[in-house]
Amino acid sequence: MLITAGNTENEMFILHDGLLRSFYKGKYGKEFYKVFLSNFQVASAFIELEAGIPSEIYIEALERTEVFCIKHKDVKELYRRHMCWNLIGNKGIEYFPRLKETREYEFLMHDAQERLNSFNIDSPGLFIEYHNIRLHLI
């Protein structure tokens, strides 16, 4: 488990190879999928990391996975010292609210089959390639 809910995190992970899933656990232990992450995506409890508060999510590897780990303070220093990293960080800040809004819309407006179809369009081959993604995780 890279990130466990309840812990205050100070690191971000860049996925080099493998598959991660991010999820919430409900009151009675039921898991609620947030997102799957594959090669060269960034995994973190971003809002909690920035605020310095305990994470609400879990992030775990679904298979053998290699990640690069970077301390949050080091990312902040890169942003401060190098404009190019600041621009990269801003692109990430723009990306995640868009992703969240799209997911929210699909959850409210689409049935389960339409959401699965959308998942397969957004992540072509991921479901087939990683047969260990059980339908109930999506």
Protein backbone atom coordinates (compact mmCIF):
# COMPACT_ATOMS: atom_id res chain seq x y z
CA MET A 1 0.00 0.00 0.00
CA LEU A 2 1.59 3.30 -1.06
CA ILE A 3 -0.92 5.49 0.73
CA THR A 4 -3.22 4.52 3.59
CA ALA A 5 -6.17 6.61 4.70
CA GLY A 6 -5.61 8.25 8.07
CA ASN A 7 -1.88 8.80 7.52
CA THR A 8 -0.40 12.22 6.83
CA GLU A 9 1.64 11.80 3.67
CA ASN A 10 4.70 13.77 2.59
CA GLU A 11 5.50 12.04 -0.71
CA MET A 12 4.28 11.82 -4.28
CA PHE A 13 4.82 8.82 -6.52
CA ILE A 14 5.48 8.74 -10.26
CA LEU A 15 4.48 5.38 -11.64
CA HIS A 16 7.25 4.00 -13.85
CA ASP A 17 5.79 0.57 -14.53
CA GLY A 18 2.74 -1.26 -13.23
CA LEU A 19 -0.80 -0.49 -12.16
CA LEU A 20 -2.15 1.34 -9.14
CA ARG A 21 -5.65 1.93 -7.93
CA SER A 22 -6.87 4.75 -5.76
CA PHE A 23 -9.96 4.16 -3.67
CA TYR A 24 -11.95 5.15 -0.60
CA LYS A 25 -13.24 2.81 2.08
CA GLY A 26 -16.72 3.37 3.40
CA LYS A 27 -17.89 3.11 6.97
CA TYR A 28 -18.38 -0.67 6.74
CA GLY A 29 -15.27 -1.43 4.69
CA LYS A 30 -16.86 -1.23 1.23
CA GLU A 31 -14.35 0.07 -1.31
CA PHE A 32 -15.17 2.88 -3.73
CA TYR A 33 -12.93 3.15 -6.80
CA LYS A 34 -11.50 6.60 -7.51
CA VAL A 35 -9.05 6.05 -10.37
CA PHE A 36 -6.63 3.56 -11.90
CA LEU A 37 -3.12 4.82 -12.61
CA SER A 38 -0.73 3.36 -15.14
CA ASN A 39 2.73 4.21 -16.47
CA PHE A 40 4.03 7.76 -16.02
CA GLN A 41 1.07 9.01 -14.00
CA VAL A 42 1.42 10.70 -10.61
CA ALA A 43 -0.12 9.14 -7.50
CA SER A 44 -0.76 11.11 -4.36
CA ALA A 45 -3.41 12.33 -1.96
CA PHE A 46 -2.90 15.77 -3.52
CA ILE A 47 -5.26 17.95 -1.51
CA GLU A 48 -4.36 16.36 1.80
CA LEU A 49 -0.66 16.46 0.93
CA GLU A 50 -0.80 20.17 0.21
CA ALA A 51 -2.85 20.87 3.35
CA GLY A 52 -0.70 18.65 5.58
CA ILE A 53 -3.73 16.69 6.81
CA PRO A 54 -4.38 12.93 6.96
CA SER A 55 -5.25 11.23 3.69
CA GLU A 56 -8.77 10.09 2.94
CA ILE A 57 -7.71 7.70 0.16
CA TYR A 58 -5.84 4.46 -0.26
CA ILE A 59 -3.46 3.85 -3.15
CA GLU A 60 -2.28 0.31 -3.77
CA ALA A 61 -0.43 -1.64 -6.44
CA LEU A 62 -2.50 -4.23 -8.29
CA GLU A 63 0.61 -5.94 -9.63
CA ARG A 64 4.39 -5.70 -9.42
CA THR A 65 4.98 -1.97 -9.69
CA GLU A 66 7.93 0.40 -9.87
CA VAL A 67 7.53 3.98 -8.69
CA PHE A 68 9.75 7.00 -8.25
CA CYS A 69 9.16 8.68 -4.92
CA ILE A 70 9.62 12.41 -4.40
CA LYS A 71 9.16 14.34 -1.17
CA HIS A 72 6.55 17.09 -1.26
CA LYS A 73 9.05 19.63 0.09
CA ASP A 74 11.39 18.78 -2.82
CA VAL A 75 8.58 19.34 -5.35
CA LYS A 76 7.88 22.72 -3.76
CA GLU A 77 11.56 23.60 -4.03
CA LEU A 78 11.60 22.62 -7.72
CA TYR A 79 8.58 24.87 -8.29
CA ARG A 80 10.33 27.74 -6.52
CA ARG A 81 13.67 27.39 -8.30
CA HIS A 82 12.69 26.37 -11.84
CA MET A 83 9.92 27.94 -13.90
CA CYS A 84 9.55 24.83 -16.09
CA TRP A 85 8.60 22.72 -13.04
CA ASN A 86 6.16 25.41 -11.98
CA LEU A 87 4.47 25.15 -15.39
CA ILE A 88 4.32 21.35 -15.12
CA GLY A 89 2.75 21.66 -11.68
CA ASN A 90 0.16 24.10 -13.01
CA LYS A 91 -0.79 21.66 -15.77
CA GLY A 92 -1.42 19.03 -13.11
CA ILE A 93 -3.54 21.47 -11.12
CA GLU A 94 -5.62 22.11 -14.24
CA TYR A 95 -5.93 18.41 -15.11
CA PHE A 96 -7.30 16.97 -11.88
CA PRO A 97 -10.39 19.18 -11.48
CA ARG A 98 -11.29 18.43 -15.11
CA LEU A 99 -10.91 14.71 -14.48
CA LYS A 100 -12.99 14.94 -11.31
CA GLU A 101 -15.75 16.90 -13.02
CA THR A 102 -15.91 14.38 -15.88
CA ARG A 103 -16.10 11.47 -13.43
CA GLU A 104 -18.78 13.25 -11.42
CA TYR A 105 -20.86 13.87 -14.55
CA GLU A 106 -20.54 10.25 -15.67
CA PHE A 107 -21.52 8.95 -12.25
CA LEU A 108 -24.62 11.12 -12.13
CA MET A 109 -25.70 10.86 -15.76
CA HIS A 110 -24.59 7.39 -16.97
CA ASP A 111 -25.49 3.88 -15.94
CA ALA A 112 -22.83 1.28 -15.07
CA GLN A 113 -22.52 -0.05 -18.62
CA GLU A 114 -21.98 3.45 -20.05
CA ARG A 115 -19.33 4.13 -17.38
CA LEU A 116 -17.55 0.88 -18.28
CA ASN A 117 -17.64 1.85 -21.96
CA SER A 118 -16.21 5.27 -21.08
CA PHE A 119 -13.48 3.64 -18.96
CA ASN A 120 -12.52 1.42 -21.92
CA ILE A 121 -12.38 4.46 -24.23
CA ASP A 122 -10.30 6.52 -21.77
CA SER A 123 -7.98 3.60 -20.96
CA PRO A 124 -7.89 1.47 -24.11
CA GLY A 125 -6.76 -2.08 -23.43
CA LEU A 126 -6.24 -1.51 -19.70
CA PHE A 127 -9.15 -3.71 -18.66
CA ILE A 128 -8.11 -6.46 -21.08
CA GLU A 129 -4.38 -6.15 -20.39
CA TYR A 130 -4.84 -6.19 -16.63
CA HIS A 131 -7.44 -8.91 -16.23
CA ASN A 132 -7.10 -8.55 -12.47
CA ILE A 133 -9.19 -5.37 -12.59
CA ARG A 134 -12.43 -6.84 -11.39
CA LEU A 135 -15.60 -5.18 -12.68
CA HIS A 136 -16.69 -4.24 -9.18
CA LEU A 137 -13.56 -2.07 -8.83
CA ILE A 138 -14.60 0.15 -11.75
